[in-house]
């Protein structure tokens, strides 16, 4: 599952039947190579591949960017974190 927004292709989820697809290189075809081709064809200038399998993605040329999180006030009557 992926979608285009502005100039970025955002990859969100993939699923595999590994028993049926042995040796098909399904992970990298669906997570890297095919989205790159589609992003290029649509004129996207960025591809967000998600946070999992970071080493495998960087070995194939992905560039990482730091993520930020800001914690807000605790909910009424509860604790944060």
PDB file of N, CA and C in Angstrom:
ATOM      1  N   UNK A   1       0.854  -1.167   0.000  1.00  0.00           N
ATOM      2  CA  UNK A   1       0.000   0.000   0.000  1.00  0.00           C
ATOM      3  C   UNK A   1       0.897   1.226   0.000  1.00  0.00           C
ATOM      4  N   UNK A   2       0.738   2.054  -1.007  1.00  0.00           N
ATOM      5  CA  UNK A   2       1.456   3.322  -1.010  1.00  0.00           C
ATOM      6  C   UNK A   2       0.607   4.366  -1.699  1.00  0.00           C
ATOM      7  N   UNK A   3       0.927   5.614  -1.459  1.00  0.00           N
ATOM      8  CA  UNK A   3       0.166   6.696  -2.065  1.00  0.00           C
ATOM      9  C   UNK A   3       1.087   7.863  -2.374  1.00  0.00           C
ATOM     10  N   UNK A   4       0.627   8.704  -3.274  1.00  0.00           N
ATOM     11  CA  UNK A   4       1.363   9.910  -3.646  1.00  0.00           C
ATOM     12  C   UNK A   4       0.701  11.098  -2.967  1.00  0.00           C
ATOM     13  N   UNK A   5       1.504  11.959  -2.379  1.00  0.00           N
ATOM     14  CA  UNK A   5       1.022  13.219  -1.829  1.00  0.00           C
ATOM     15  C   UNK A   5       2.074  14.269  -2.122  1.00  0.00           C
ATOM     16  N   UNK A   6       1.660  15.337  -2.778  1.00  0.00           N
ATOM     17  CA  UNK A   6       2.573  16.400  -3.214  1.00  0.00           C
ATOM     18  C   UNK A   6       3.636  15.766  -4.106  1.00  0.00           C
ATOM     19  N   UNK A   7       4.899  15.913  -3.759  1.00  0.00           N
ATOM     20  CA  UNK A   7       5.970  15.371  -4.601  1.00  0.00           C
ATOM     21  C   UNK A   7       6.611  14.125  -3.998  1.00  0.00           C
ATOM     22  N   UNK A   8       5.909  13.466  -3.069  1.00  0.00           N
ATOM     23  CA  UNK A   8       6.465  12.312  -2.358  1.00  0.00           C
ATOM     24  C   UNK A   8       5.582  11.084  -2.532  1.00  0.00           C
ATOM     25  N   UNK A   9       6.199   9.932  -2.705  1.00  0.00           N
ATOM     26  CA  UNK A   9       5.501   8.650  -2.666  1.00  0.00           C
ATOM     27  C   UNK A   9       5.720   8.091  -1.262  1.00  0.00           C
ATOM     28  N   UNK A  10       4.643   7.783  -0.568  1.00  0.00           N
ATOM     29  CA  UNK A  10       4.686   7.286   0.812  1.00  0.00           C
ATOM     30  C   UNK A  10       4.335   5.804   0.824  1.00  0.00           C
ATOM     31  N   UNK A  11       5.271   4.964   1.245  1.00  0.00           N
ATOM     32  CA  UNK A  11       5.036   3.526   1.370  1.00  0.00           C
ATOM     33  C   UNK A  11       4.529   3.248   2.776  1.00  0.00           C
ATOM     34  N   UNK A  12       3.404   2.541   2.893  1.00  0.00           N
ATOM     35  CA  UNK A  12       2.815   2.292   4.196  1.00  0.00           C
ATOM     36  C   UNK A  12       2.795   0.829   4.610  1.00  0.00           C
ATOM     37  N   UNK A  13       2.493  -0.098   3.723  1.00  0.00           N
ATOM     38  CA  UNK A  13       2.366  -1.498   4.136  1.00  0.00           C
ATOM     39  C   UNK A  13       2.571  -2.415   2.941  1.00  0.00           C
ATOM     40  N   UNK A  14       3.109  -3.587   3.207  1.00  0.00           N
ATOM     41  CA  UNK A  14       3.236  -4.637   2.200  1.00  0.00           C
ATOM     42  C   UNK A  14       2.880  -5.967   2.851  1.00  0.00           C
ATOM     43  N   UNK A  15       2.496  -6.926   2.051  1.00  0.00           N
ATOM     44  CA  UNK A  15       2.196  -8.256   2.560  1.00  0.00           C
ATOM     45  C   UNK A  15       2.716  -9.303   1.592  1.00  0.00           C
ATOM     46  N   UNK A  16       3.099 -10.449   2.111  1.00  0.00           N
ATOM     47  CA  UNK A  16       3.761 -11.458   1.285  1.00  0.00           C
ATOM     48  C   UNK A  16       3.255 -12.850   1.613  1.00  0.00           C
ATOM     49  N   UNK A  17       3.225 -13.692   0.612  1.00  0.00           N
ATOM     50  CA  UNK A  17       2.993 -15.119   0.788  1.00  0.00           C
ATOM     51  C   UNK A  17       4.323 -15.787   0.453  1.00  0.00           C
ATOM     52  N   UNK A  18       5.210 -15.848   1.431  1.00  0.00           N
ATOM     53  CA  UNK A  18       6.574 -16.315   1.193  1.00  0.00           C
ATOM     54  C   UNK A  18       6.638 -17.743   0.659  1.00  0.00           C
ATOM     55  N   UNK A  19       5.703 -18.602   1.060  1.00  0.00           N
ATOM     56  CA  UNK A  19       5.725 -19.983   0.571  1.00  0.00           C
ATOM     57  C   UNK A  19       5.496 -20.055  -0.939  1.00  0.00           C
ATOM     58  N   UNK A  20       4.694 -19.159  -1.477  1.00  0.00           N
ATOM     59  CA  UNK A  20       4.401 -19.165  -2.916  1.00  0.00           C
ATOM     60  C   UNK A  20       5.422 -18.381  -3.730  1.00  0.00           C
ATOM     61  N   UNK A  21       6.175 -17.508  -3.092  1.00  0.00           N
ATOM     62  CA  UNK A  21       7.047 -16.594  -3.835  1.00  0.00           C
ATOM     63  C   UNK A  21       8.532 -16.815  -3.558  1.00  0.00           C
ATOM     64  N   UNK A  22       8.914 -17.983  -3.219  1.00  0.00           N
ATOM     65  CA  UNK A  22      10.328 -18.243  -2.913  1.00  0.00           C
ATOM     66  C   UNK A  22      11.219 -17.847  -4.066  1.00  0.00           C
ATOM     67  N   UNK A  23      12.234 -17.062  -3.745  1.00  0.00           N
ATOM     68  CA  UNK A  23      13.208 -16.661  -4.746  1.00  0.00           C
ATOM     69  C   UNK A  23      12.743 -15.558  -5.676  1.00  0.00           C
ATOM     70  N   UNK A  24      11.579 -14.965  -5.405  1.00  0.00           N
ATOM     71  CA  UNK A  24      11.053 -13.917  -6.288  1.00  0.00           C
ATOM     72  C   UNK A  24      11.540 -12.531  -5.877  1.00  0.00           C
ATOM     73  N   UNK A  25      12.310 -12.468  -4.803  1.00  0.00           N
ATOM     74  CA  UNK A  25      12.813 -11.182  -4.296  1.00  0.00           C
ATOM     75  C   UNK A  25      11.660 -10.218  -4.039  1.00  0.00           C
ATOM     76  N   UNK A  26      10.584 -10.769  -3.487  1.00  0.00           N
ATOM     77  CA  UNK A  26       9.368  -9.992  -3.319  1.00  0.00           C
ATOM     78  C   UNK A  26       9.540  -8.768  -2.431  1.00  0.00           C
ATOM     79  N   UNK A  27      10.323  -8.878  -1.354  1.00  0.00           N
ATOM     80  CA  UNK A  27      10.457  -7.731  -0.452  1.00  0.00           C
ATOM     81  C   UNK A  27      11.036  -6.526  -1.187  1.00  0.00           C
ATOM     82  N   UNK A  28      12.190  -6.684  -1.807  1.00  0.00           N
ATOM     83  CA  UNK A  28      12.830  -5.532  -2.437  1.00  0.00           C
ATOM     84  C   UNK A  28      12.106  -5.081  -3.698  1.00  0.00           C
ATOM     85  N   UNK A  29      11.449  -5.989  -4.392  1.00  0.00           N
ATOM     86  CA  UNK A  29      10.652  -5.563  -5.544  1.00  0.00           C
ATOM     87  C   UNK A  29       9.491  -4.678  -5.108  1.00  0.00           C
ATOM     88  N   UNK A  30       8.788  -5.063  -4.035  1.00  0.00           N
ATOM     89  CA  UNK A  30       7.619  -4.302  -3.598  1.00  0.00           C
ATOM     90  C   UNK A  30       7.955  -3.087  -2.741  1.00  0.00           C
ATOM     91  N   UNK A  31       9.065  -3.138  -2.017  1.00  0.00           N
ATOM     92  CA  UNK A  31       9.400  -2.049  -1.101  1.00  0.00           C
ATOM     93  C   UNK A  31      10.373  -1.047  -1.711  1.00  0.00           C
ATOM     94  N   UNK A  32      11.213  -1.474  -2.607  1.00  0.00           N
ATOM     95  CA  UNK A  32      12.221  -0.558  -3.161  1.00  0.00           C
ATOM     96  C   UNK A  32      12.060  -0.338  -4.654  1.00  0.00           C
ATOM     97  N   UNK A  33      12.267  -1.367  -5.423  1.00  0.00           N
ATOM     98  CA  UNK A  33      12.419  -1.196  -6.871  1.00  0.00           C
ATOM     99  C   UNK A  33      11.148  -0.719  -7.576  1.00  0.00           C
ATOM    100  N   UNK A  34      10.009  -1.352  -7.342  1.00  0.00           N
ATOM    101  CA  UNK A  34       8.774  -0.933  -8.008  1.00  0.00           C
ATOM    102  C   UNK A  34       8.310   0.458  -7.564  1.00  0.00           C
ATOM    103  N   UNK A  35       8.346   0.783  -6.254  1.00  0.00           N
ATOM    104  CA  UNK A  35       7.996   2.156  -5.869  1.00  0.00           C
ATOM    105  C   UNK A  35       8.938   3.206  -6.459  1.00  0.00           C
ATOM    106  N   UNK A  36      10.208   2.894  -6.595  1.00  0.00           N
ATOM    107  CA  UNK A  36      11.141   3.841  -7.212  1.00  0.00           C
ATOM    108  C   UNK A  36      10.739   4.093  -8.659  1.00  0.00           C
ATOM    109  N   UNK A  37      10.430   3.026  -9.390  1.00  0.00           N
ATOM    110  CA  UNK A  37       9.999   3.183 -10.787  1.00  0.00           C
ATOM    111  C   UNK A  37       8.723   4.019 -10.880  1.00  0.00           C
ATOM    112  N   UNK A  38       7.758   3.749  -9.995  1.00  0.00           N
ATOM    113  CA  UNK A  38       6.502   4.489 -10.023  1.00  0.00           C
ATOM    114  C   UNK A  38       6.710   5.950  -9.630  1.00  0.00           C
ATOM    115  N   UNK A  39       7.528   6.194  -8.617  1.00  0.00           N
ATOM    116  CA  UNK A  39       7.811   7.575  -8.200  1.00  0.00           C
ATOM    117  C   UNK A  39       8.451   8.350  -9.345  1.00  0.00           C
ATOM    118  N   UNK A  40       9.387   7.737 -10.015  1.00  0.00           N
ATOM    119  CA  UNK A  40      10.053   8.383 -11.147  1.00  0.00           C
ATOM    120  C   UNK A  40       9.055   8.684 -12.268  1.00  0.00           C
ATOM    121  N   UNK A  41       8.200   7.722 -12.579  1.00  0.00           N
ATOM    122  CA  UNK A  41       7.222   7.901 -13.655  1.00  0.00           C
ATOM    123  C   UNK A  41       6.232   9.023 -13.349  1.00  0.00           C
ATOM    124  N   UNK A  42       5.925   9.247 -12.072  1.00  0.00           N
ATOM    125  CA  UNK A  42       4.963  10.276 -11.677  1.00  0.00           C
ATOM    126  C   UNK A  42       5.626  11.613 -11.346  1.00  0.00           C
ATOM    127  N   UNK A  43       6.941  11.675 -11.451  1.00  0.00           N
ATOM    128  CA  UNK A  43       7.645  12.924 -11.185  1.00  0.00           C
ATOM    129  C   UNK A  43       7.869  13.226  -9.720  1.00  0.00           C
ATOM    130  N   UNK A  44       7.728  12.222  -8.863  1.00  0.00           N
ATOM    131  CA  UNK A  44       7.975  12.445  -7.435  1.00  0.00           C
ATOM    132  C   UNK A  44       9.456  12.729  -7.210  1.00  0.00           C
ATOM    133  N   UNK A  45       9.734  13.578  -6.243  1.00  0.00           N
ATOM    134  CA  UNK A  45      11.126  13.906  -5.930  1.00  0.00           C
ATOM    135  C   UNK A  45      11.588  13.265  -4.630  1.00  0.00           C
ATOM    136  N   UNK A  46      10.676  12.581  -3.931  1.00  0.00           N
ATOM    137  CA  UNK A  46      11.042  11.905  -2.689  1.00  0.00           C
ATOM    138  C   UNK A  46      10.234  10.622  -2.561  1.00  0.00           C
ATOM    139  N   UNK A  47      10.807   9.681  -1.848  1.00  0.00           N
ATOM    140  CA  UNK A  47      10.175   8.385  -1.610  1.00  0.00           C
ATOM    141  C   UNK A  47      10.368   8.054  -0.142  1.00  0.00           C
ATOM    142  N   UNK A  48       9.280   7.967   0.609  1.00  0.00           N
ATOM    143  CA  UNK A  48       9.346   7.640   2.028  1.00  0.00           C
ATOM    144  C   UNK A  48       9.113   6.145   2.169  1.00  0.00           C
ATOM    145  N   UNK A  49      10.157   5.400   2.540  1.00  0.00           N
ATOM    146  CA  UNK A  49      10.097   3.940   2.570  1.00  0.00           C
ATOM    147  C   UNK A  49       9.724   3.362   3.925  1.00  0.00           C
ATOM    148  N   UNK A  50       9.495   4.181   4.936  1.00  0.00           N
ATOM    149  CA  UNK A  50       9.177   3.678   6.262  1.00  0.00           C
ATOM    150  C   UNK A  50      10.420   3.483   7.099  1.00  0.00           C
ATOM    151  N   UNK A  51      10.221   3.055   8.345  1.00  0.00           N
ATOM    152  CA  UNK A  51      11.325   2.988   9.296  1.00  0.00           C
ATOM    153  C   UNK A  51      11.886   1.584   9.501  1.00  0.00           C
ATOM    154  N   UNK A  52      11.247   0.570   8.978  1.00  0.00           N
ATOM    155  CA  UNK A  52      11.737  -0.799   9.162  1.00  0.00           C
ATOM    156  C   UNK A  52      12.810  -1.143   8.137  1.00  0.00           C
ATOM    157  N   UNK A  53      13.599  -2.141   8.438  1.00  0.00           N
ATOM    158  CA  UNK A  53      14.645  -2.647   7.530  1.00  0.00           C
ATOM    159  C   UNK A  53      15.593  -1.543   7.065  1.00  0.00           C
ATOM    160  N   UNK A  54      15.972  -0.693   7.989  1.00  0.00           N
ATOM    161  CA  UNK A  54      16.794   0.470   7.657  1.00  0.00           C
ATOM    162  C   UNK A  54      18.110   0.089   6.995  1.00  0.00           C
ATOM    163  N   UNK A  55      18.793  -0.900   7.527  1.00  0.00           N
ATOM    164  CA  UNK A  55      20.090  -1.285   6.956  1.00  0.00           C
ATOM    165  C   UNK A  55      19.946  -1.756   5.508  1.00  0.00           C
ATOM    166  N   UNK A  56      18.965  -2.589   5.253  1.00  0.00           N
ATOM    167  CA  UNK A  56      18.759  -3.089   3.887  1.00  0.00           C
ATOM    168  C   UNK A  56      18.469  -1.945   2.926  1.00  0.00           C
ATOM    169  N   UNK A  57      17.714  -0.967   3.367  1.00  0.00           N
ATOM    170  CA  UNK A  57      17.380   0.163   2.497  1.00  0.00           C
ATOM    171  C   UNK A  57      18.586   1.068   2.259  1.00  0.00           C
ATOM    172  N   UNK A  58      19.359   1.325   3.307  1.00  0.00           N
ATOM    173  CA  UNK A  58      20.533   2.187   3.116  1.00  0.00           C
ATOM    174  C   UNK A  58      21.602   1.494   2.282  1.00  0.00           C
ATOM    175  N   UNK A  59      21.699   0.180   2.361  1.00  0.00           N
ATOM    176  CA  UNK A  59      22.652  -0.536   1.507  1.00  0.00           C
ATOM    177  C   UNK A  59      22.290  -0.406   0.027  1.00  0.00           C
ATOM    178  N   UNK A  60      21.035  -0.114  -0.246  1.00  0.00           N
ATOM    179  CA  UNK A  60      20.577   0.055  -1.628  1.00  0.00           C
ATOM    180  C   UNK A  60      20.462   1.524  -2.029  1.00  0.00           C
ATOM    181  N   UNK A  61      21.038   2.405  -1.221  1.00  0.00           N
ATOM    182  CA  UNK A  61      21.126   3.811  -1.601  1.00  0.00           C
ATOM    183  C   UNK A  61      20.164   4.754  -0.916  1.00  0.00           C
ATOM    184  N   UNK A  62      19.304   4.260  -0.032  1.00  0.00           N
ATOM    185  CA  UNK A  62      18.386   5.159   0.671  1.00  0.00           C
ATOM    186  C   UNK A  62      19.172   6.093   1.582  1.00  0.00           C
ATOM    187  N   UNK A  63      18.692   7.300   1.703  1.00  0.00           N
ATOM    188  CA  UNK A  63      19.285   8.293   2.591  1.00  0.00           C
ATOM    189  C   UNK A  63      18.311   8.499   3.740  1.00  0.00           C
ATOM    190  N   UNK A  64      18.818   8.474   4.962  1.00  0.00           N
ATOM    191  CA  UNK A  64      17.950   8.615   6.126  1.00  0.00           C
ATOM    192  C   UNK A  64      17.835  10.073   6.545  1.00  0.00           C
ATOM    193  N   UNK A  65      16.757  10.365   7.228  1.00  0.00           N
ATOM    194  CA  UNK A  65      16.534  11.693   7.795  1.00  0.00           C
ATOM    195  C   UNK A  65      16.016  11.504   9.215  1.00  0.00           C
ATOM    196  N   UNK A  66      16.453  12.339  10.145  1.00  0.00           N
ATOM    197  CA  UNK A  66      15.998  12.181  11.527  1.00  0.00           C
ATOM    198  C   UNK A  66      14.507  12.477  11.658  1.00  0.00           C
ATOM    199  N   UNK A  67      13.884  11.794  12.589  1.00  0.00           N
ATOM    200  CA  UNK A  67      12.479  12.026  12.893  1.00  0.00           C
ATOM    201  C   UNK A  67      12.386  12.747  14.233  1.00  0.00           C
ATOM    202  N   UNK A  68      11.337  13.495  14.400  1.00  0.00           N
ATOM    203  CA  UNK A  68      11.137  14.250  15.630  1.00  0.00           C
ATOM    204  C   UNK A  68       9.803  13.865  16.256  1.00  0.00           C
ATOM    205  N   UNK A  69       9.761  13.940  17.573  1.00  0.00           N
ATOM    206  CA  UNK A  69       8.512  13.735  18.297  1.00  0.00           C
ATOM    207  C   UNK A  69       8.460  14.739  19.434  1.00  0.00           C
ATOM    208  N   UNK A  70       7.306  15.291  19.663  1.00  0.00           N
ATOM    209  CA  UNK A  70       7.116  16.231  20.763  1.00  0.00           C
ATOM    210  C   UNK A  70       5.998  15.682  21.625  1.00  0.00           C
ATOM    211  N   UNK A  71       6.316  15.519  22.885  1.00  0.00           N
ATOM    212  CA  UNK A  71       5.315  15.000  23.801  1.00  0.00           C
ATOM    213  C   UNK A  71       4.519  16.162  24.366  1.00  0.00           C
ATOM    214  N   UNK A  72       3.224  16.025  24.352  1.00  0.00           N
ATOM    215  CA  UNK A  72       2.352  17.069  24.876  1.00  0.00           C
ATOM    216  C   UNK A  72       2.080  16.875  26.352  1.00  0.00           C
ATOM    217  N   UNK A  73       1.172  17.650  26.856  1.00  0.00           N
ATOM    218  CA  UNK A  73       0.773  17.552  28.261  1.00  0.00           C
ATOM    219  C   UNK A  73       0.077  16.216  28.494  1.00  0.00           C
ATOM    220  N   UNK A  74       0.206  15.670  29.706  1.00  0.00           N
ATOM    221  CA  UNK A  74      -0.482  14.407  29.995  1.00  0.00           C
ATOM    222  C   UNK A  74      -1.996  14.584  29.874  1.00  0.00           C
ATOM    223  N   UNK A  75      -2.695  13.519  29.522  1.00  0.00           N
ATOM    224  CA  UNK A  75      -4.153  13.615  29.419  1.00  0.00           C
ATOM    225  C   UNK A  75      -4.770  13.898  30.787  1.00  0.00           C
ATOM    226  N   UNK A  76      -5.916  14.529  30.822  1.00  0.00           N
ATOM    227  CA  UNK A  76      -6.565  14.807  32.112  1.00  0.00           C
ATOM    228  C   UNK A  76      -6.774  13.521  32.903  1.00  0.00           C
ATOM    229  N   UNK A  77      -6.333  13.520  34.136  1.00  0.00           N
ATOM    230  CA  UNK A  77      -6.505  12.368  35.005  1.00  0.00           C
ATOM    231  C   UNK A  77      -5.594  11.197  34.701  1.00  0.00           C
ATOM    232  N   UNK A  78      -4.636  11.361  33.809  1.00  0.00           N
ATOM    233  CA  UNK A  78      -3.759  10.250  33.451  1.00  0.00           C
ATOM    234  C   UNK A  78      -2.306  10.659  33.403  1.00  0.00           C
ATOM    235  N   UNK A  79      -1.462   9.690  33.120  1.00  0.00           N
ATOM    236  CA  UNK A  79      -0.029   9.936  33.003  1.00  0.00           C
ATOM    237  C   UNK A  79       0.372   9.822  31.554  1.00  0.00           C
ATOM    238  N   UNK A  80       1.445  10.500  31.210  1.00  0.00           N
ATOM    239  CA  UNK A  80       1.984  10.332  29.860  1.00  0.00           C
ATOM    240  C   UNK A  80       3.024   9.238  29.885  1.00  0.00           C
ATOM    241  N   UNK A  81       3.268   8.654  28.715  1.00  0.00           N
ATOM    242  CA  UNK A  81       4.342   7.689  28.526  1.00  0.00           C
ATOM    243  C   UNK A  81       4.133   6.432  29.239  1.00  0.00           C
TER     244      UNK A  81
END
